[in-house]
Amino acid sequence: MSQEIAINAVLPPLPKRVFCNRTLNLRAMQVVGCDMDYTLIHYDTERWERRAYEYMLLTFVARGWPVAELSFDPELASLGLVIDVELGNLVKANRFGHVRNACHGTRMLDFDGWHKAYGTAPIDLAESRWQFMNTLFSLSEACLYVQLVDLLDAGKLEPGLSYRELYHHVRSALDATHLEGQLKREILAEPERYVVLDEKLPQTLLNLSAAGKRRVVAPRLAKTVW
C-alpha cells in the first residue's frame, strides 16, 4: 500500500494521464498525433453552444418566424443522441440500433409512443434521416430544432413544412453562422471566455519537440504537422 501511495504521489492526476490497452514504448514513436477539439483545446461548451444558438435564432427572427421567446436550454439534449428528421424526434439508440427512448419536439414520448414509432427492429443509422449529435454545436442545433418542431406542430410556422425541411433550415442557419465569421471573430477577440486553458499544454508540446517527435494536430477539416 505504501508503494502504491508513493507511485501515485509522482503521477499526474487521473484526468491528465494517458491510458492504453497494451505496452507502449514512447521512445519508438516518431510522430505524436492529437485531435484539436477536446484533446488540445477544451471548450466552455455551454457558452459556445449558447452563442451559436443565439446567432442561429437571429436568422429566423429576420425571416419573421415567431422565435423571439425561445432560449437555449443546455439540459434539453446531450451528445450521443440522434435526430430523426423524418419524424421530428430526438432518439436514444444503443450501439445495435435499438431505440430505447425518444422525444417528439421537446415532449418526451412514453413507451407506447416511441415503441409505435420504431418498434423492436434495429434502425439503420446509415440512412439520411438520422443525424448524429457528436460534434461541437450539436447541442445548440438539436435544441433549436426540437423547439421549432413544437412551433411547427402548433401551426405557427410555414404551412406544409416537413420535419426534414425544418432540419435543413436549422442546419443552414448553423452553417451560415460559421461562414459569415461573426461568431469566430467574437471568439478570437475573447478566447478566454470560450476556452478552458491548460497551463501545462505548451510545455507538453515543447517537451515532445525536444524529444524529437513530430506533432500532428488534426482539427475537423485539416491536418497540420510541425
C-alpha atoms as a PDB file:
ATOM      1  CA  MET A   1       0.000   0.000   0.000  1.00  0.00           C
ATOM      2  CA  SER A   2       2.805   2.455   0.847  1.00  0.00           C
ATOM      3  CA  GLN A   3       4.481   1.734  -2.517  1.00  0.00           C
ATOM      4  CA  GLU A   4       1.198   2.416  -4.343  1.00  0.00           C
ATOM      5  CA  ILE A   5       0.811   5.715  -2.493  1.00  0.00           C
ATOM      6  CA  ALA A   6       4.377   6.683  -3.409  1.00  0.00           C
ATOM      7  CA  ILE A   7       3.777   5.919  -7.098  1.00  0.00           C
ATOM      8  CA  ASN A   8       0.532   7.905  -7.157  1.00  0.00           C
ATOM      9  CA  ALA A   9       2.289  10.827  -5.496  1.00  0.00           C
ATOM     10  CA  VAL A  10       4.558  11.331  -8.516  1.00  0.00           C
ATOM     11  CA  LEU A  11       1.949  10.631 -11.196  1.00  0.00           C
ATOM     12  CA  PRO A  12      -0.261  13.375 -12.634  1.00  0.00           C
ATOM     13  CA  PRO A  13      -3.933  13.376 -11.596  1.00  0.00           C
ATOM     14  CA  LEU A  14      -6.158  10.868 -13.406  1.00  0.00           C
ATOM     15  CA  PRO A  15      -7.692  13.335 -15.919  1.00  0.00           C
ATOM     16  CA  LYS A  16      -4.157  14.249 -17.057  1.00  0.00           C
ATOM     17  CA  ARG A  17      -2.893  10.705 -17.614  1.00  0.00           C
ATOM     18  CA  VAL A  18      -2.648   8.786 -20.885  1.00  0.00           C
ATOM     19  CA  PHE A  19      -4.087   5.273 -20.903  1.00  0.00           C
ATOM     20  CA  CYS A  20      -3.549   2.464 -23.405  1.00  0.00           C
ATOM     21  CA  ASN A  21      -4.535  -1.191 -23.548  1.00  0.00           C
ATOM     22  CA  ARG A  22      -1.081  -2.571 -24.348  1.00  0.00           C
ATOM     23  CA  THR A  23       2.558  -1.815 -23.652  1.00  0.00           C
ATOM     24  CA  LEU A  24       3.536   1.436 -25.328  1.00  0.00           C
ATOM     25  CA  ASN A  25       7.170   2.444 -25.789  1.00  0.00           C
ATOM     26  CA  LEU A  26       7.131   6.176 -26.498  1.00  0.00           C
ATOM     27  CA  ARG A  27      10.822   6.125 -27.359  1.00  0.00           C
ATOM     28  CA  ALA A  28       9.950   4.201 -30.518  1.00  0.00           C
ATOM     29  CA  MET A  29       7.307   6.716 -31.586  1.00  0.00           C
ATOM     30  CA  GLN A  30       8.391   9.256 -34.189  1.00  0.00           C
ATOM     31  CA  VAL A  31       5.051  11.068 -34.569  1.00  0.00           C
ATOM     32  CA  VAL A  32       2.527  12.012 -31.889  1.00  0.00           C
ATOM     33  CA  GLY A  33      -0.972  12.907 -33.106  1.00  0.00           C
ATOM     34  CA  CYS A  34      -3.626  14.869 -31.236  1.00  0.00           C
ATOM     35  CA  ASP A  35      -7.175  15.844 -32.062  1.00  0.00           C
ATOM     36  CA  MET A  36      -7.798  19.545 -31.740  1.00  0.00           C
ATOM     37  CA  ASP A  37     -11.256  19.519 -30.140  1.00  0.00           C
ATOM     38  CA  TYR A  38     -11.313  18.322 -26.529  1.00  0.00           C
ATOM     39  CA  THR A  39      -7.745  16.999 -26.694  1.00  0.00           C
ATOM     40  CA  LEU A  40      -5.542  20.045 -27.187  1.00  0.00           C
ATOM     41  CA  ILE A  41      -8.374  22.519 -26.760  1.00  0.00           C
ATOM     42  CA  HIS A  42     -11.088  22.231 -24.126  1.00  0.00           C
ATOM     43  CA  TYR A  43     -14.104  24.464 -24.505  1.00  0.00           C
ATOM     44  CA  ASP A  44     -16.606  26.092 -22.227  1.00  0.00           C
ATOM     45  CA  THR A  45     -19.247  24.053 -24.029  1.00  0.00           C
ATOM     46  CA  GLU A  46     -22.338  25.785 -22.708  1.00  0.00           C
ATOM     47  CA  ARG A  47     -21.013  29.232 -23.652  1.00  0.00           C
ATOM     48  CA  TRP A  48     -20.043  28.093 -27.181  1.00  0.00           C
ATOM     49  CA  GLU A  49     -23.380  26.383 -27.721  1.00  0.00           C
ATOM     50  CA  ARG A  50     -25.384  29.293 -26.338  1.00  0.00           C
ATOM     51  CA  ARG A  51     -23.724  31.810 -28.642  1.00  0.00           C
ATOM     52  CA  ALA A  52     -24.154  29.559 -31.685  1.00  0.00           C
ATOM     53  CA  TYR A  53     -27.827  29.155 -30.743  1.00  0.00           C
ATOM     54  CA  GLU A  54     -28.283  32.906 -30.427  1.00  0.00           C
ATOM     55  CA  TYR A  55     -26.740  33.526 -33.835  1.00  0.00           C
ATOM     56  CA  MET A  56     -28.992  30.879 -35.413  1.00  0.00           C
ATOM     57  CA  LEU A  57     -32.014  32.395 -33.721  1.00  0.00           C
ATOM     58  CA  LEU A  58     -31.274  35.753 -35.342  1.00  0.00           C
ATOM     59  CA  THR A  59     -31.605  34.096 -38.747  1.00  0.00           C
ATOM     60  CA  PHE A  60     -35.164  33.035 -38.011  1.00  0.00           C
ATOM     61  CA  VAL A  61     -36.067  36.339 -36.370  1.00  0.00           C
ATOM     62  CA  ALA A  62     -35.027  38.035 -39.631  1.00  0.00           C
ATOM     63  CA  ARG A  63     -37.402  35.712 -41.506  1.00  0.00           C
ATOM     64  CA  GLY A  64     -40.262  36.750 -39.293  1.00  0.00           C
ATOM     65  CA  TRP A  65     -40.611  33.408 -37.529  1.00  0.00           C
ATOM     66  CA  PRO A  66     -42.132  33.611 -34.004  1.00  0.00           C
ATOM     67  CA  VAL A  67     -38.963  32.583 -32.188  1.00  0.00           C
ATOM     68  CA  ALA A  68     -38.135  35.685 -30.140  1.00  0.00           C
ATOM     69  CA  GLU A  69     -39.245  33.997 -26.909  1.00  0.00           C
ATOM     70  CA  LEU A  70     -37.069  30.892 -27.415  1.00  0.00           C
ATOM     71  CA  SER A  71     -33.867  30.461 -25.432  1.00  0.00           C
ATOM     72  CA  PHE A  72     -31.064  27.932 -25.264  1.00  0.00           C
ATOM     73  CA  ASP A  73     -31.618  25.097 -22.803  1.00  0.00           C
ATOM     74  CA  PRO A  74     -28.347  23.207 -22.108  1.00  0.00           C
ATOM     75  CA  GLU A  75     -30.286  20.388 -20.425  1.00  0.00           C
ATOM     76  CA  LEU A  76     -32.578  19.716 -23.368  1.00  0.00           C
ATOM     77  CA  ALA A  77     -30.211  17.398 -25.263  1.00  0.00           C
ATOM     78  CA  SER A  78     -26.896  15.631 -24.823  1.00  0.00           C
ATOM     79  CA  LEU A  79     -24.174  14.344 -27.121  1.00  0.00           C
ATOM     80  CA  GLY A  80     -24.689  10.780 -28.310  1.00  0.00           C
ATOM     81  CA  LEU A  81     -28.356  11.210 -29.185  1.00  0.00           C
ATOM     82  CA  VAL A  82     -29.659  11.048 -32.746  1.00  0.00           C
ATOM     83  CA  ILE A  83     -32.057  13.399 -34.533  1.00  0.00           C
ATOM     84  CA  ASP A  84     -34.775  11.729 -36.603  1.00  0.00           C
ATOM     85  CA  VAL A  85     -35.508  14.380 -39.225  1.00  0.00           C
ATOM     86  CA  GLU A  86     -38.419  12.389 -40.677  1.00  0.00           C
ATOM     87  CA  LEU A  87     -40.500  12.418 -37.500  1.00  0.00           C
ATOM     88  CA  GLY A  88     -39.053  15.428 -35.687  1.00  0.00           C
ATOM     89  CA  ASN A  89     -37.804  13.260 -32.866  1.00  0.00           C
ATOM     90  CA  LEU A  90     -34.737  13.142 -30.674  1.00  0.00           C
ATOM     91  CA  VAL A  91     -33.788   9.492 -30.198  1.00  0.00           C
ATOM     92  CA  LYS A  92     -31.625   7.488 -27.852  1.00  0.00           C
ATOM     93  CA  ALA A  93     -30.425   4.282 -29.534  1.00  0.00           C
ATOM     94  CA  ASN A  94     -27.906   1.706 -28.394  1.00  0.00           C
ATOM     95  CA  ARG A  95     -24.917   0.598 -30.470  1.00  0.00           C
ATOM     96  CA  PHE A  96     -27.013  -2.108 -32.111  1.00  0.00           C
ATOM     97  CA  GLY A  97     -29.533   0.429 -33.416  1.00  0.00           C
ATOM     98  CA  HIS A  98     -32.346  -0.405 -30.998  1.00  0.00           C
ATOM     99  CA  VAL A  99     -34.285   2.673 -29.872  1.00  0.00           C
ATOM    100  CA  ARG A 100     -34.504   2.935 -26.104  1.00  0.00           C
ATOM    101  CA  ASN A 101     -36.154   6.333 -25.680  1.00  0.00           C
ATOM    102  CA  ALA A 102     -37.350   9.274 -27.733  1.00  0.00           C
ATOM    103  CA  CYS A 103     -38.984  12.659 -27.569  1.00  0.00           C
ATOM    104  CA  HIS A 104     -41.049  14.479 -30.178  1.00  0.00           C
ATOM    105  CA  GLY A 105     -40.051  18.106 -30.197  1.00  0.00           C
ATOM    106  CA  THR A 106     -39.460  18.860 -26.539  1.00  0.00           C
ATOM    107  CA  ARG A 107     -42.107  16.374 -25.358  1.00  0.00           C
ATOM    108  CA  MET A 108     -40.901  13.021 -24.053  1.00  0.00           C
ATOM    109  CA  LEU A 109     -42.695  10.046 -25.598  1.00  0.00           C
ATOM    110  CA  ASP A 110     -43.935   7.311 -23.321  1.00  0.00           C
ATOM    111  CA  PHE A 111     -43.101   3.676 -24.003  1.00  0.00           C
ATOM    112  CA  ASP A 112     -46.093   3.150 -26.276  1.00  0.00           C
ATOM    113  CA  GLY A 113     -45.255   6.316 -28.204  1.00  0.00           C
ATOM    114  CA  TRP A 114     -41.670   5.526 -29.129  1.00  0.00           C
ATOM    115  CA  HIS A 115     -42.378   1.807 -29.460  1.00  0.00           C
ATOM    116  CA  LYS A 116     -45.124   2.559 -32.004  1.00  0.00           C
ATOM    117  CA  ALA A 117     -42.751   4.834 -33.950  1.00  0.00           C
ATOM    118  CA  TYR A 118     -39.766   2.474 -34.046  1.00  0.00           C
ATOM    119  CA  GLY A 119     -40.865  -0.987 -32.952  1.00  0.00           C
ATOM    120  CA  THR A 120     -38.360  -3.587 -31.842  1.00  0.00           C
ATOM    121  CA  ALA A 121     -36.306  -3.939 -35.030  1.00  0.00           C
ATOM    122  CA  PRO A 122     -32.983  -2.060 -35.160  1.00  0.00           C
ATOM    123  CA  ILE A 123     -32.957   1.189 -37.091  1.00  0.00           C
ATOM    124  CA  ASP A 124     -30.458   1.772 -39.886  1.00  0.00           C
ATOM    125  CA  LEU A 125     -28.409   4.701 -38.619  1.00  0.00           C
ATOM    126  CA  ALA A 126     -26.698   4.970 -42.012  1.00  0.00           C
ATOM    127  CA  GLU A 127     -29.901   6.383 -43.521  1.00  0.00           C
ATOM    128  CA  SER A 128     -30.036  10.113 -44.180  1.00  0.00           C
ATOM    129  CA  ARG A 129     -32.975  10.559 -41.798  1.00  0.00           C
ATOM    130  CA  TRP A 130     -30.622  10.115 -38.837  1.00  0.00           C
ATOM    131  CA  GLN A 131     -28.336  12.968 -37.801  1.00  0.00           C
ATOM    132  CA  PHE A 132     -25.787  12.165 -35.111  1.00  0.00           C
ATOM    133  CA  MET A 133     -25.111  14.550 -32.258  1.00  0.00           C
ATOM    134  CA  ASN A 134     -21.382  14.045 -31.829  1.00  0.00           C
ATOM    135  CA  THR A 135     -19.657  17.336 -32.637  1.00  0.00           C
ATOM    136  CA  LEU A 136     -19.309  20.849 -31.290  1.00  0.00           C
ATOM    137  CA  PHE A 137     -22.541  22.842 -31.808  1.00  0.00           C
ATOM    138  CA  SER A 138     -24.698  19.684 -31.892  1.00  0.00           C
ATOM    139  CA  LEU A 139     -26.408  20.776 -28.665  1.00  0.00           C
ATOM    140  CA  SER A 140     -27.424  24.190 -29.999  1.00  0.00           C
ATOM    141  CA  GLU A 141     -28.577  22.655 -33.281  1.00  0.00           C
ATOM    142  CA  ALA A 142     -30.695  19.987 -31.567  1.00  0.00           C
ATOM    143  CA  CYS A 143     -32.117  22.413 -29.023  1.00  0.00           C
ATOM    144  CA  LEU A 144     -33.328  24.845 -31.660  1.00  0.00           C
ATOM    145  CA  TYR A 145     -34.615  22.070 -33.918  1.00  0.00           C
ATOM    146  CA  VAL A 146     -36.841  20.405 -31.320  1.00  0.00           C
ATOM    147  CA  GLN A 147     -38.152  23.803 -30.190  1.00  0.00           C
ATOM    148  CA  LEU A 148     -39.057  24.608 -33.800  1.00  0.00           C
ATOM    149  CA  VAL A 149     -40.758  21.215 -34.104  1.00  0.00           C
ATOM    150  CA  ASP A 150     -43.056  22.335 -31.281  1.00  0.00           C
ATOM    151  CA  LEU A 151     -43.860  25.548 -33.173  1.00  0.00           C
ATOM    152  CA  LEU A 152     -44.442  23.607 -36.404  1.00  0.00           C
ATOM    153  CA  ASP A 153     -46.845  21.231 -34.663  1.00  0.00           C
ATOM    154  CA  ALA A 154     -48.672  24.234 -33.198  1.00  0.00           C
ATOM    155  CA  GLY A 155     -49.204  25.629 -36.708  1.00  0.00           C
ATOM    156  CA  LYS A 156     -47.025  28.677 -36.096  1.00  0.00           C
ATOM    157  CA  LEU A 157     -44.545  28.088 -38.925  1.00  0.00           C
ATOM    158  CA  GLU A 158     -44.865  27.895 -42.704  1.00  0.00           C
ATOM    159  CA  PRO A 159     -47.730  25.574 -43.710  1.00  0.00           C
ATOM    160  CA  GLY A 160     -46.636  22.399 -45.460  1.00  0.00           C
ATOM    161  CA  LEU A 161     -43.134  22.475 -43.983  1.00  0.00           C
ATOM    162  CA  SER A 162     -41.852  18.973 -43.241  1.00  0.00           C
ATOM    163  CA  TYR A 163     -39.684  17.986 -40.294  1.00  0.00           C
ATOM    164  CA  ARG A 164     -36.849  17.205 -42.697  1.00  0.00           C
ATOM    165  CA  GLU A 165     -37.122  20.609 -44.371  1.00  0.00           C
ATOM    166  CA  LEU A 166     -37.208  22.232 -40.951  1.00  0.00           C
ATOM    167  CA  TYR A 167     -33.974  20.474 -40.023  1.00  0.00           C
ATOM    168  CA  HIS A 168     -32.297  21.719 -43.198  1.00  0.00           C
ATOM    169  CA  HIS A 169     -33.330  25.278 -42.281  1.00  0.00           C
ATOM    170  CA  VAL A 170     -31.646  24.868 -38.889  1.00  0.00           C
ATOM    171  CA  ARG A 171     -28.501  23.303 -40.374  1.00  0.00           C
ATOM    172  CA  SER A 172     -28.285  26.074 -42.999  1.00  0.00           C
ATOM    173  CA  ALA A 173     -28.557  28.699 -40.263  1.00  0.00           C
ATOM    174  CA  LEU A 174     -25.757  26.991 -38.323  1.00  0.00           C
ATOM    175  CA  ASP A 175     -23.547  26.755 -41.423  1.00  0.00           C
ATOM    176  CA  ALA A 176     -24.160  30.425 -42.179  1.00  0.00           C
ATOM    177  CA  THR A 177     -23.124  31.303 -38.633  1.00  0.00           C
ATOM    178  CA  HIS A 178     -19.729  29.736 -39.323  1.00  0.00           C
ATOM    179  CA  LEU A 179     -19.310  31.020 -42.884  1.00  0.00           C
ATOM    180  CA  GLU A 180     -20.147  34.618 -42.059  1.00  0.00           C
ATOM    181  CA  GLY A 181     -17.452  34.557 -39.413  1.00  0.00           C
ATOM    182  CA  GLN A 182     -19.057  36.809 -36.817  1.00  0.00           C
ATOM    183  CA  LEU A 183     -19.098  34.108 -34.154  1.00  0.00           C
ATOM    184  CA  LYS A 184     -15.495  33.196 -34.931  1.00  0.00           C
ATOM    185  CA  ARG A 185     -14.394  36.827 -34.668  1.00  0.00           C
ATOM    186  CA  GLU A 186     -16.151  37.109 -31.324  1.00  0.00           C
ATOM    187  CA  ILE A 187     -14.359  34.019 -30.009  1.00  0.00           C
ATOM    188  CA  LEU A 188     -10.969  35.148 -31.294  1.00  0.00           C
ATOM    189  CA  ALA A 189     -11.460  38.541 -29.677  1.00  0.00           C
ATOM    190  CA  GLU A 190     -12.011  36.980 -26.236  1.00  0.00           C
ATOM    191  CA  PRO A 191     -10.753  33.375 -26.318  1.00  0.00           C
ATOM    192  CA  GLU A 192     -10.507  33.250 -22.528  1.00  0.00           C
ATOM    193  CA  ARG A 193     -14.324  33.345 -22.373  1.00  0.00           C
ATOM    194  CA  TYR A 194     -14.723  30.254 -24.536  1.00  0.00           C
ATOM    195  CA  VAL A 195     -11.632  28.111 -23.971  1.00  0.00           C
ATOM    196  CA  VAL A 196     -10.605  26.364 -20.741  1.00  0.00           C
ATOM    197  CA  LEU A 197      -6.867  26.994 -20.655  1.00  0.00           C
ATOM    198  CA  ASP A 198      -4.423  24.242 -19.690  1.00  0.00           C
ATOM    199  CA  GLU A 199      -1.284  25.911 -18.392  1.00  0.00           C
ATOM    200  CA  LYS A 200       0.791  22.738 -18.901  1.00  0.00           C
ATOM    201  CA  LEU A 201      -0.139  22.193 -22.551  1.00  0.00           C
ATOM    202  CA  PRO A 202       2.549  24.475 -24.074  1.00  0.00           C
ATOM    203  CA  GLN A 203       5.267  22.784 -22.038  1.00  0.00           C
ATOM    204  CA  THR A 204       3.983  19.348 -23.062  1.00  0.00           C
ATOM    205  CA  LEU A 205       4.221  20.265 -26.747  1.00  0.00           C
ATOM    206  CA  LEU A 206       7.691  21.725 -26.223  1.00  0.00           C
ATOM    207  CA  ASN A 207       8.783  18.533 -24.442  1.00  0.00           C
ATOM    208  CA  LEU A 208       7.596  16.443 -27.382  1.00  0.00           C
ATOM    209  CA  SER A 209       9.539  18.665 -29.754  1.00  0.00           C
ATOM    210  CA  ALA A 210      12.667  18.493 -27.585  1.00  0.00           C
ATOM    211  CA  ALA A 211      12.374  14.691 -27.640  1.00  0.00           C
ATOM    212  CA  GLY A 212      12.498  14.742 -31.436  1.00  0.00           C
ATOM    213  CA  LYS A 213       8.839  13.931 -32.002  1.00  0.00           C
ATOM    214  CA  ARG A 214       6.869  15.286 -34.889  1.00  0.00           C
ATOM    215  CA  ARG A 215       3.496  16.553 -33.741  1.00  0.00           C
ATOM    216  CA  VAL A 216       0.349  16.133 -35.819  1.00  0.00           C
ATOM    217  CA  VAL A 217      -2.715  18.160 -34.933  1.00  0.00           C
ATOM    218  CA  ALA A 218      -5.946  17.122 -36.595  1.00  0.00           C
ATOM    219  CA  PRO A 219      -8.689  19.763 -36.492  1.00  0.00           C
ATOM    220  CA  ARG A 220     -12.057  18.969 -38.008  1.00  0.00           C
ATOM    221  CA  LEU A 221     -11.207  19.875 -41.598  1.00  0.00           C
ATOM    222  CA  ALA A 222      -7.417  19.877 -41.875  1.00  0.00           C
ATOM    223  CA  LYS A 223      -4.173  18.457 -40.548  1.00  0.00           C
ATOM    224  CA  THR A 224      -1.086  20.338 -39.507  1.00  0.00           C
ATOM    225  CA  VAL A 225       2.355  18.811 -38.999  1.00  0.00           C
ATOM    226  CA  TRP A 226       5.262  20.557 -37.334  1.00  0.00           C
END
